N, C-alpha and C. Protein backbone atom coordinates (compact mmCIF):
# COMPACT_ATOMS: atom_id res chain seq x y z
N UNK A 1 -11.60 -20.96 -38.08
CA UNK A 1 -12.32 -20.00 -37.12
C UNK A 1 -11.50 -19.10 -36.67
N UNK A 2 -11.39 -17.75 -36.80
CA UNK A 2 -10.17 -16.83 -36.44
C UNK A 2 -10.29 -16.40 -35.43
N UNK A 3 -8.98 -16.69 -34.41
CA UNK A 3 -9.12 -16.68 -33.18
C UNK A 3 -8.20 -15.75 -32.70
N UNK A 4 -8.95 -14.38 -33.07
CA UNK A 4 -8.06 -12.95 -32.60
C UNK A 4 -8.68 -12.69 -31.30
N UNK A 5 -7.67 -12.01 -31.46
CA UNK A 5 -8.04 -11.95 -29.43
C UNK A 5 -7.66 -10.32 -29.72
N UNK A 6 -8.69 -9.78 -28.44
CA UNK A 6 -9.15 -8.46 -27.70
C UNK A 6 -8.27 -8.25 -26.37
N UNK A 7 -7.61 -6.79 -26.43
CA UNK A 7 -7.14 -6.11 -25.65
C UNK A 7 -8.41 -4.60 -25.56
N UNK A 8 -7.76 -4.66 -23.81
CA UNK A 8 -8.36 -3.50 -23.43
C UNK A 8 -7.40 -2.96 -22.28
N UNK A 9 -8.09 -1.74 -22.55
CA UNK A 9 -7.17 0.06 -21.05
C UNK A 9 -7.83 -0.21 -20.51
N UNK A 10 -7.37 -0.90 -18.51
CA UNK A 10 -8.59 -0.79 -17.39
C UNK A 10 -7.77 0.11 -16.57
N UNK A 11 -8.26 1.69 -17.03
CA UNK A 11 -8.22 2.79 -15.86
C UNK A 11 -8.28 3.26 -14.94
N UNK A 12 -7.53 2.90 -13.46
CA UNK A 12 -9.00 3.63 -12.90
C UNK A 12 -9.64 4.62 -12.40
N UNK A 13 -10.61 4.62 -11.17
CA UNK A 13 -11.34 5.78 -11.38
C UNK A 13 -10.08 7.02 -10.77
N UNK A 14 -9.74 6.34 -10.07
CA UNK A 14 -9.09 7.89 -9.94
C UNK A 14 -7.41 7.67 -10.82
N UNK A 15 -7.53 7.94 -11.93
CA UNK A 15 -6.94 8.11 -12.52
C UNK A 15 -6.49 9.31 -12.26
N UNK A 16 -6.86 10.06 -13.12
CA UNK A 16 -7.16 11.88 -13.10
C UNK A 16 -6.74 12.82 -11.71
N UNK A 17 -6.72 11.29 -10.84
CA UNK A 17 -6.45 12.29 -9.66
C UNK A 17 -5.58 12.00 -9.11
N UNK A 18 -4.29 11.43 -9.44
CA UNK A 18 -3.08 11.06 -9.17
C UNK A 18 -2.27 11.74 -9.23
N UNK A 19 -1.30 11.75 -9.18
CA UNK A 19 -0.42 13.19 -8.53
C UNK A 19 0.78 13.32 -9.57
N UNK A 20 0.79 12.06 -11.03
CA UNK A 20 1.69 12.75 -11.57
C UNK A 20 0.71 13.24 -12.59
N UNK A 21 -0.39 12.52 -12.64
CA UNK A 21 -1.07 12.80 -14.13
C UNK A 21 -1.33 14.23 -13.29
N UNK A 22 -1.13 15.39 -12.04
CA UNK A 22 -2.44 16.30 -12.26
C UNK A 22 -0.79 16.93 -12.81
N UNK A 23 0.31 16.46 -11.80
CA UNK A 23 1.64 17.96 -12.06
C UNK A 23 1.71 17.63 -13.64
N UNK A 24 1.13 16.49 -15.00
CA UNK A 24 1.47 16.85 -16.02
C UNK A 24 0.78 17.55 -16.54
N UNK A 25 -0.74 17.18 -16.54
CA UNK A 25 -2.07 18.21 -16.15
C UNK A 25 -1.79 19.69 -15.62
N UNK A 26 -0.97 19.91 -15.17
CA UNK A 26 -1.17 21.60 -14.37
C UNK A 26 0.21 22.52 -15.67
N UNK A 27 1.07 21.86 -16.07
CA UNK A 27 1.87 22.04 -17.09
C UNK A 27 0.97 23.01 -18.77
N UNK A 28 1.70 23.38 -18.86
CA UNK A 28 1.60 24.59 -20.02
C UNK A 28 1.33 22.87 -21.28
N UNK A 29 0.43 23.21 -22.52
CA UNK A 29 0.10 22.63 -22.98
C UNK A 29 0.21 20.87 -22.62
N UNK A 30 -0.43 20.83 -21.30
CA UNK A 30 -0.56 19.53 -19.56
C UNK A 30 -1.42 18.47 -21.34
N UNK A 31 -2.61 18.57 -21.39
CA UNK A 31 -3.84 17.68 -21.24
C UNK A 31 -3.59 17.25 -22.77
N UNK A 32 -2.58 17.67 -23.92
CA UNK A 32 -2.06 17.41 -24.80
C UNK A 32 -1.42 16.31 -24.34
N UNK A 33 -0.29 16.16 -23.43
CA UNK A 33 0.47 15.06 -22.78
C UNK A 33 -0.06 14.13 -21.94
N UNK A 34 -0.94 14.18 -21.64
CA UNK A 34 -1.86 13.33 -20.80
C UNK A 34 -3.07 12.21 -22.56
N UNK A 35 -3.30 12.99 -23.42
CA UNK A 35 -3.82 12.48 -24.84
C UNK A 35 -2.45 11.84 -24.94
N UNK A 36 -1.60 12.07 -25.25
CA UNK A 36 -0.15 11.69 -26.13
C UNK A 36 0.39 10.52 -25.14
N UNK A 37 0.16 10.66 -23.69
CA UNK A 37 0.27 9.92 -22.99
C UNK A 37 -1.07 7.69 -23.05
N UNK A 38 -2.20 8.71 -23.09
CA UNK A 38 -3.14 7.50 -23.09
C UNK A 38 -2.87 6.31 -24.68
N UNK A 39 -2.43 7.68 -25.96
CA UNK A 39 -2.45 7.34 -27.31
C UNK A 39 -1.32 6.12 -27.29
N UNK A 40 -0.16 5.79 -26.11
CA UNK A 40 1.43 5.37 -26.28
C UNK A 40 0.72 4.09 -25.14
N UNK A 41 -0.39 4.75 -23.93
CA UNK A 41 -0.50 3.04 -23.94
C UNK A 41 -1.15 2.40 -24.49
N UNK A 42 -2.67 2.71 -24.97
CA UNK A 42 -3.07 1.96 -26.23
C UNK A 42 -2.70 1.21 -27.22
N UNK A 43 -0.80 2.12 -27.54
CA UNK A 43 -0.23 1.03 -29.05
C UNK A 43 0.51 0.35 -27.91
N UNK A 44 0.91 0.25 -27.04
CA UNK A 44 1.58 -0.84 -26.37
C UNK A 44 1.53 -1.64 -25.71
N UNK A 45 -0.48 -1.30 -25.71
CA UNK A 45 -0.85 -2.84 -25.21
C UNK A 45 -0.68 -4.59 -25.25
N UNK A 46 -0.37 -4.24 -26.76
CA UNK A 46 -0.46 -6.05 -26.96
C UNK A 46 0.98 -6.56 -27.46
N UNK A 47 2.10 -4.76 -27.00
CA UNK A 47 3.47 -5.30 -26.95
C UNK A 47 4.07 -5.72 -25.21
N UNK A 48 3.21 -5.85 -24.72
CA UNK A 48 3.30 -5.86 -23.34
C UNK A 48 4.09 -4.71 -22.73
N UNK A 49 4.32 -3.45 -22.92
CA UNK A 49 4.93 -1.86 -22.61
C UNK A 49 5.72 -1.85 -23.14
N UNK A 50 6.39 -2.70 -24.42
CA UNK A 50 7.23 -1.73 -25.75
C UNK A 50 6.03 -0.85 -26.78
N UNK A 51 7.61 -0.22 -27.18
CA UNK A 51 6.58 1.29 -27.60
C UNK A 51 8.16 0.33 -29.43
N UNK A 52 7.66 -0.40 -30.35
CA UNK A 52 8.59 -0.74 -31.52
C UNK A 52 7.39 -1.22 -32.06
N UNK A 53 8.01 -0.66 -33.67
CA UNK A 53 7.46 -0.57 -35.74
C UNK A 53 7.89 -2.11 -35.38
N UNK A 54 6.24 -3.01 -35.34
CA UNK A 54 6.83 -4.16 -36.03
C UNK A 54 7.79 -5.78 -34.99
N UNK A 55 7.66 -4.81 -33.96
CA UNK A 55 8.24 -5.88 -33.31
C UNK A 55 10.05 -5.60 -32.95
N UNK A 56 10.53 -4.69 -34.29
CA UNK A 56 11.41 -4.86 -34.34
C UNK A 56 12.42 -3.53 -34.56
N UNK A 57 12.04 -3.08 -34.05
CA UNK A 57 13.10 -1.17 -34.19
C UNK A 57 11.89 -0.67 -33.20
N UNK A 58 12.90 0.25 -32.50
CA UNK A 58 12.07 0.91 -31.56
C UNK A 58 11.92 2.01 -32.26
N UNK A 59 10.50 2.40 -31.62
CA UNK A 59 9.83 3.67 -32.13
C UNK A 59 11.15 4.96 -31.37
N UNK A 60 11.12 6.15 -32.48
CA UNK A 60 12.48 7.19 -32.52
C UNK A 60 10.63 8.56 -32.32
N UNK A 61 11.47 9.76 -32.15
CA UNK A 61 10.32 10.69 -31.52
C UNK A 61 9.72 10.86 -32.54
N UNK A 62 10.34 11.12 -34.12
CA UNK A 62 9.19 11.21 -35.48
C UNK A 62 8.09 10.69 -36.04
N UNK A 63 8.71 9.13 -34.85
CA UNK A 63 7.60 7.62 -35.61
C UNK A 63 7.13 8.13 -34.69
N UNK A 64 6.87 8.50 -33.68
CA UNK A 64 5.95 8.62 -32.24
C UNK A 64 4.54 9.60 -32.62
N UNK A 65 6.25 10.82 -33.24
CA UNK A 65 4.99 11.60 -33.78
C UNK A 65 3.68 11.87 -34.58
N UNK A 66 4.68 11.49 -35.56
CA UNK A 66 3.87 10.49 -36.63
C UNK A 66 2.27 9.60 -36.85
N UNK A 67 2.24 9.08 -35.92
CA UNK A 67 1.79 7.59 -35.25
C UNK A 67 0.46 8.02 -33.91
N UNK A 68 1.11 9.24 -33.73
CA UNK A 68 -0.19 9.64 -32.43
C UNK A 68 -0.93 11.02 -33.05
N UNK A 69 0.33 11.57 -34.12
CA UNK A 69 -0.62 12.59 -34.51
C UNK A 69 -0.62 13.73 -33.97
N UNK A 70 0.87 13.60 -32.73
CA UNK A 70 0.94 14.98 -32.37
C UNK A 70 2.55 15.20 -32.82
N UNK A 71 2.43 16.82 -32.38
CA UNK A 71 3.61 18.09 -32.75
C UNK A 71 4.46 16.81 -31.82
N UNK A 72 5.24 17.16 -32.98
CA UNK A 72 7.57 17.06 -32.29
C UNK A 72 7.75 17.47 -31.31
N UNK A 73 7.50 18.91 -31.28
CA UNK A 73 8.33 19.71 -29.54
C UNK A 73 6.72 18.60 -28.96
N UNK A 74 5.87 18.43 -28.31
CA UNK A 74 5.00 17.56 -27.72
C UNK A 74 5.58 16.44 -27.01
N UNK A 75 5.61 15.68 -28.05
CA UNK A 75 6.19 14.24 -28.55
C UNK A 75 7.33 14.15 -27.36
N UNK A 76 8.21 15.34 -27.63
CA UNK A 76 10.11 15.35 -26.96
C UNK A 76 9.81 16.09 -25.24
N UNK A 77 8.41 17.02 -25.44
CA UNK A 77 8.58 17.42 -23.46
C UNK A 77 7.92 16.14 -23.19
N UNK A 78 6.68 15.57 -23.64
CA UNK A 78 5.40 14.37 -22.79
C UNK A 78 6.76 13.36 -22.14
N UNK A 79 7.62 12.73 -23.34
CA UNK A 79 8.18 11.72 -23.23
C UNK A 79 9.52 12.13 -22.18
N UNK A 80 9.97 13.47 -22.24
CA UNK A 80 10.70 14.01 -20.98
C UNK A 80 10.49 13.97 -20.24
N UNK A 81 9.28 14.69 -20.03
CA UNK A 81 8.10 14.63 -18.48
C UNK A 81 7.86 13.44 -17.93
N UNK A 82 7.15 12.07 -18.70
CA UNK A 82 7.51 10.66 -18.76
C UNK A 82 8.36 10.12 -17.47
N UNK A 83 9.36 10.11 -18.23
CA UNK A 83 11.21 9.19 -17.95
C UNK A 83 10.92 10.04 -16.30
N UNK A 84 11.33 11.64 -16.45
CA UNK A 84 11.08 11.98 -15.16
C UNK A 84 10.01 11.51 -14.01
N UNK A 85 8.80 11.51 -14.39
CA UNK A 85 7.84 11.20 -12.59
C UNK A 85 7.60 9.80 -12.99
N UNK A 86 8.76 8.89 -13.35
CA UNK A 86 8.56 7.18 -13.90
C UNK A 86 7.23 6.27 -14.16
N UNK A 87 6.87 7.50 -15.49
CA UNK A 87 5.91 6.55 -15.80
C UNK A 87 5.77 5.82 -17.15
N UNK A 88 7.41 6.43 -17.47
CA UNK A 88 8.00 5.86 -18.73
C UNK A 88 9.30 4.83 -18.10
N UNK A 89 10.66 4.53 -19.69
CA UNK A 89 11.72 4.52 -19.66
C UNK A 89 12.13 4.19 -20.97
N UNK A 90 13.09 4.93 -20.65
CA UNK A 90 14.35 4.49 -22.20
C UNK A 90 15.32 3.23 -22.09
N UNK A 91 15.28 2.32 -23.04
CA UNK A 91 15.75 1.41 -22.33
C UNK A 91 17.64 1.09 -23.60
N UNK A 92 18.47 0.73 -23.21
CA UNK A 92 19.45 0.84 -23.69
C UNK A 92 19.20 0.91 -25.50
N UNK A 93 18.47 0.38 -26.03
CA UNK A 93 18.59 -0.61 -27.27
C UNK A 93 18.17 0.70 -27.90
N UNK A 94 16.54 1.94 -27.43
CA UNK A 94 16.17 3.16 -28.12
C UNK A 94 15.15 2.97 -27.38
N UNK A 95 14.39 1.53 -26.90
CA UNK A 95 13.22 1.28 -26.99
C UNK A 95 12.24 1.58 -26.10
N UNK A 96 11.50 2.43 -26.04
CA UNK A 96 10.47 2.62 -25.17
C UNK A 96 9.42 1.79 -24.49
N UNK A 97 9.49 2.08 -23.02
CA UNK A 97 8.88 0.98 -21.85
C UNK A 97 7.79 1.63 -21.04
N UNK A 98 6.65 1.35 -21.17
CA UNK A 98 5.37 2.14 -20.37
C UNK A 98 5.14 1.51 -19.38
N UNK A 99 5.77 2.24 -18.32
CA UNK A 99 5.78 0.81 -17.16
C UNK A 99 4.63 0.34 -16.61
N UNK A 100 3.54 1.33 -16.27
CA UNK A 100 1.97 1.09 -16.30
C UNK A 100 1.23 0.22 -16.52
N UNK A 101 1.70 0.21 -18.12
CA UNK A 101 0.99 -0.46 -19.53
C UNK A 101 0.40 -2.32 -18.24
N UNK A 102 1.88 -3.16 -17.97
CA UNK A 102 0.99 -4.41 -17.02
C UNK A 102 -0.10 -4.17 -16.48
N UNK A 103 -0.44 -3.24 -15.64
CA UNK A 103 -0.96 -3.29 -15.01
C UNK A 103 -2.72 -3.45 -14.98
N UNK A 104 -2.18 -2.46 -16.01
CA UNK A 104 -3.64 -1.74 -16.97
C UNK A 104 -4.36 -2.71 -18.49
N UNK A 105 -3.40 -3.56 -18.24
CA UNK A 105 -4.16 -4.41 -19.85
C UNK A 105 -5.43 -5.07 -18.86
N UNK A 106 -5.88 -5.64 -20.08
CA UNK A 106 -6.97 -6.91 -20.28
C UNK A 106 -7.23 -7.70 -21.05
N UNK A 107 -7.01 -8.65 -21.77
CA UNK A 107 -7.22 -9.22 -22.56
C UNK A 107 -8.04 -10.70 -23.06
N UNK A 108 -9.18 -11.02 -23.48
CA UNK A 108 -9.71 -12.09 -24.47
C UNK A 108 -9.41 -12.66 -25.87
N UNK A 109 -9.47 -14.44 -25.90
CA UNK A 109 -9.69 -13.71 -27.33
C UNK A 109 -11.33 -14.43 -27.85
N UNK A 110 -11.22 -14.04 -28.92
CA UNK A 110 -12.56 -13.80 -29.15
C UNK A 110 -13.48 -15.47 -29.58
N UNK A 111 -12.82 -16.92 -29.12
CA UNK A 111 -13.94 -17.46 -28.47
C UNK A 111 -13.75 -17.44 -27.03
N UNK A 112 -13.11 -17.18 -26.36
CA UNK A 112 -13.48 -16.79 -24.70
C UNK A 112 -14.61 -16.51 -24.36
N UNK A 113 -15.01 -14.63 -25.38
CA UNK A 113 -15.28 -14.43 -25.36
C UNK A 113 -16.76 -14.77 -25.59
N UNK A 114 -16.72 -15.20 -26.71
CA UNK A 114 -17.92 -16.29 -26.83
C UNK A 114 -18.27 -17.84 -25.68
N UNK A 115 -17.49 -18.40 -25.39
CA UNK A 115 -17.84 -19.01 -24.13
C UNK A 115 -18.95 -18.27 -22.88
N UNK A 116 -18.09 -16.94 -22.84
CA UNK A 116 -18.38 -16.39 -21.70
C UNK A 116 -19.64 -15.90 -22.27
N UNK A 117 -20.44 -15.65 -22.66
CA UNK A 117 -21.17 -14.54 -23.36
C UNK A 117 -22.43 -15.93 -23.41
N UNK A 118 -22.30 -17.17 -23.80
CA UNK A 118 -22.51 -18.56 -23.81
C UNK A 118 -23.36 -18.54 -21.87
N UNK A 119 -22.34 -18.87 -21.47
CA UNK A 119 -22.53 -19.79 -20.21
C UNK A 119 -23.44 -18.69 -19.31
N UNK A 120 -23.15 -17.04 -19.76
CA UNK A 120 -23.54 -15.82 -19.07
C UNK A 120 -25.15 -16.41 -19.73
N UNK A 121 -26.18 -16.23 -20.92
CA UNK A 121 -26.67 -16.83 -21.21
C UNK A 121 -27.81 -18.18 -20.66
N UNK A 122 -26.70 -18.68 -20.25
CA UNK A 122 -27.40 -20.18 -20.16
C UNK A 122 -27.21 -20.08 -18.17
N UNK A 123 -26.91 -19.83 -17.46
CA UNK A 123 -26.87 -19.74 -16.21
C UNK A 123 -28.56 -20.10 -16.12
N UNK A 124 -28.61 -20.34 -15.12
CA UNK A 124 -29.82 -20.59 -14.43
C UNK A 124 -29.13 -20.50 -13.03
N UNK A 125 -30.75 -19.75 -11.96
CA UNK A 125 -30.28 -19.61 -10.74
C UNK A 125 -30.44 -21.00 -9.90
N UNK A 126 -29.35 -21.38 -9.77
CA UNK A 126 -28.49 -22.27 -8.11
C UNK A 126 -30.65 -22.56 -7.40
N UNK A 127 -30.82 -23.43 -7.01
CA UNK A 127 -31.82 -23.74 -6.25
C UNK A 127 -31.27 -23.45 -4.89
N UNK A 128 -32.06 -22.81 -3.75
CA UNK A 128 -31.86 -22.69 -2.53
C UNK A 128 -32.51 -23.34 -1.66
N UNK A 129 -31.71 -23.73 -0.83
CA UNK A 129 -32.59 -24.55 0.02
C UNK A 129 -32.89 -23.78 1.30
N UNK A 130 -34.23 -22.96 1.50
CA UNK A 130 -34.37 -22.20 2.36
C UNK A 130 -34.44 -22.05 4.22
N UNK A 131 -34.37 -23.44 4.69
CA UNK A 131 -34.31 -24.36 5.58
C UNK A 131 -32.50 -24.29 6.20
N UNK A 132 -31.88 -23.19 6.45
CA UNK A 132 -30.54 -23.22 6.14
C UNK A 132 -30.11 -23.45 7.66
N UNK A 133 -29.71 -23.93 8.75
CA UNK A 133 -28.75 -24.25 9.71
C UNK A 133 -28.36 -23.30 10.53
N UNK A 134 -28.45 -22.53 11.57
CA UNK A 134 -28.24 -21.71 11.85
C UNK A 134 -26.41 -22.55 12.77
N UNK A 135 -25.07 -21.94 12.56
CA UNK A 135 -24.27 -23.16 12.94
C UNK A 135 -23.40 -22.10 13.72
N UNK A 136 -22.42 -23.41 14.81
CA UNK A 136 -22.06 -21.86 15.62
C UNK A 136 -20.14 -22.05 15.40
N UNK A 137 -19.95 -21.36 13.44
CA UNK A 137 -18.51 -22.31 13.65
C UNK A 137 -17.97 -20.92 14.27
N UNK A 138 -18.79 -19.37 14.30
CA UNK A 138 -17.97 -17.83 14.93
C UNK A 138 -17.73 -18.92 16.36
N UNK A 139 -18.27 -19.31 16.83
CA UNK A 139 -18.26 -20.30 18.85
C UNK A 139 -16.61 -20.85 18.88
N UNK A 140 -16.34 -21.82 17.81
CA UNK A 140 -15.73 -23.09 17.29
C UNK A 140 -14.52 -21.84 17.03
N UNK A 141 -14.74 -20.50 16.19
CA UNK A 141 -13.50 -20.19 16.01
C UNK A 141 -12.78 -19.37 17.38
N UNK A 142 -13.86 -18.92 18.27
CA UNK A 142 -13.16 -18.00 18.90
C UNK A 142 -12.99 -18.97 20.25
N UNK A 143 -13.13 -20.50 20.66
CA UNK A 143 -12.98 -21.32 21.75
C UNK A 143 -11.53 -22.06 21.31
N UNK A 144 -11.43 -21.55 19.68
CA UNK A 144 -10.00 -22.59 19.24
C UNK A 144 -9.02 -21.17 19.74
N UNK A 145 -9.84 -20.21 19.42
CA UNK A 145 -8.49 -19.06 19.07
C UNK A 145 -7.83 -18.51 20.89
N UNK A 146 -9.13 -19.00 21.87
CA UNK A 146 -8.56 -19.06 22.83
C UNK A 146 -7.98 -19.82 23.84
N UNK A 147 -8.11 -21.14 22.86
CA UNK A 147 -7.32 -22.11 23.63
C UNK A 147 -5.33 -22.17 23.30
N UNK A 148 -5.57 -21.51 21.60
CA UNK A 148 -3.99 -21.28 20.86
C UNK A 148 -3.72 -19.78 21.87
N UNK A 149 -4.20 -18.66 22.26
CA UNK A 149 -3.68 -17.49 23.42
C UNK A 149 -3.44 -18.52 24.64
N UNK A 150 -3.90 -18.78 25.05
CA UNK A 150 -3.79 -19.78 26.44
C UNK A 150 -2.17 -20.65 26.49
N UNK A 151 -1.92 -21.93 25.10
CA UNK A 151 -1.26 -21.83 24.92
C UNK A 151 0.11 -21.25 24.55
N UNK A 152 -0.22 -19.68 24.15
CA UNK A 152 1.06 -19.10 23.36
C UNK A 152 1.05 -18.26 25.33
N UNK A 153 0.41 -18.18 25.84
CA UNK A 153 0.89 -17.54 27.57
C UNK A 153 1.63 -18.45 28.09
N UNK A 154 1.36 -19.95 28.01
CA UNK A 154 1.51 -20.87 28.71
C UNK A 154 3.17 -20.74 27.90
N UNK A 155 3.81 -20.89 27.10
CA UNK A 155 5.00 -21.40 25.99
C UNK A 155 5.25 -19.97 27.33
N UNK A 156 5.61 -18.87 26.83
CA UNK A 156 5.73 -17.54 27.53
C UNK A 156 6.19 -17.84 29.01
N UNK A 157 5.52 -17.61 29.91
CA UNK A 157 5.09 -17.99 30.75
C UNK A 157 6.99 -19.01 31.98
N UNK A 158 6.70 -20.27 30.67
CA UNK A 158 7.64 -21.55 30.70
C UNK A 158 8.75 -20.65 29.98
N UNK A 159 8.73 -19.95 29.39
CA UNK A 159 10.50 -19.48 28.88
C UNK A 159 10.39 -18.60 30.40
N UNK A 160 10.04 -17.78 30.96
CA UNK A 160 10.49 -16.67 32.21
C UNK A 160 10.53 -17.47 32.97
N UNK A 161 9.98 -18.67 32.80
CA UNK A 161 11.26 -19.31 34.54
C UNK A 161 12.73 -20.26 34.02
N UNK A 162 12.26 -20.73 32.97
CA UNK A 162 13.59 -20.91 32.61
C UNK A 162 14.53 -19.93 32.27
N UNK A 163 14.70 -18.47 31.78
CA UNK A 163 15.65 -17.79 32.38
C UNK A 163 15.79 -16.87 33.43
N UNK A 164 15.08 -17.32 34.29
CA UNK A 164 15.31 -16.86 35.34
C UNK A 164 16.22 -17.88 35.82
N UNK A 165 15.12 -18.96 36.15
CA UNK A 165 16.72 -20.04 36.70
C UNK A 165 17.88 -20.06 35.65
N UNK A 166 18.05 -19.77 34.40
CA UNK A 166 19.57 -19.56 34.04
C UNK A 166 20.25 -18.01 34.56
N UNK A 167 19.50 -17.22 34.73
CA UNK A 167 19.92 -16.37 35.61
C UNK A 167 20.18 -16.82 37.28
N UNK A 168 19.14 -17.69 37.92
CA UNK A 168 20.17 -17.58 38.82
C UNK A 168 21.05 -18.71 38.76
N UNK A 169 21.48 -19.43 38.02
CA UNK A 169 22.60 -20.41 37.87
C UNK A 169 24.57 -18.76 38.08
N UNK A 170 23.26 -18.69 36.76
CA UNK A 170 24.83 -18.05 36.23
C UNK A 170 25.06 -16.23 37.73
N UNK A 171 24.54 -16.08 39.06
CA UNK A 171 24.79 -15.79 39.48
C UNK A 171 25.34 -16.74 40.58
N UNK A 172 24.71 -17.41 40.96
CA UNK A 172 25.16 -18.53 41.66
C UNK A 172 26.42 -19.11 41.91
N UNK A 173 27.14 -19.55 40.55
CA UNK A 173 28.55 -19.94 39.89
C UNK A 173 29.35 -17.99 40.11
N UNK A 174 29.34 -16.88 39.95
CA UNK A 174 30.13 -15.80 40.05
C UNK A 174 30.03 -15.45 41.79
N UNK A 175 29.26 -15.87 42.06
CA UNK A 175 28.66 -15.61 43.87
C UNK A 175 29.89 -17.22 44.95
N UNK A 176 30.23 -17.97 43.82
CA UNK A 176 30.60 -18.92 44.63
C UNK A 176 32.16 -19.06 45.37
N UNK A 177 33.04 -18.86 46.26
CA UNK A 177 33.91 -19.10 46.85
C UNK A 177 35.38 -19.98 46.08
N UNK A 178 35.96 -19.86 45.63
CA UNK A 178 37.67 -20.43 44.67
C UNK A 178 37.50 -20.99 46.26
N UNK A 179 38.01 -21.78 46.62
CA UNK A 179 39.28 -22.85 47.38
C UNK A 179 40.71 -23.14 46.74
């Protein structure tokens, strides 16, 4: 039985409203850069954000141009823009790393998907007891809160008295006549 793992990229509903994306889109060829960015995100999903060929060698600009079907000039300009806006890093070994992919990735094995579907199909509504008893937990919480507030106030008052006594003691020492 195959235990394939499925990945998906989760985009927040305000993805295109983010400042970085708006800045990129406003540039000449900006829509191409965003398309390229999304392709890179998808390419890096399985490798936790790194862009490497068969986990062995880092992709260079020509390779990225080929696998994304984008013009080399678009790739070069887009990558420089992504790095300057903090969307991507280039590591010392030449690996490109998509910074946000960790927050955007979901995954599920085929068996987990099968179990999830089975559970959805076989879930029965829970029986509900309509004779719900009203409880006064809110009152208990308020009383508990008031109790702690009162205790806190008492501790503050004690500390104020102790501080006053210490100040009086210091003042009386300073005012003593030495014989």
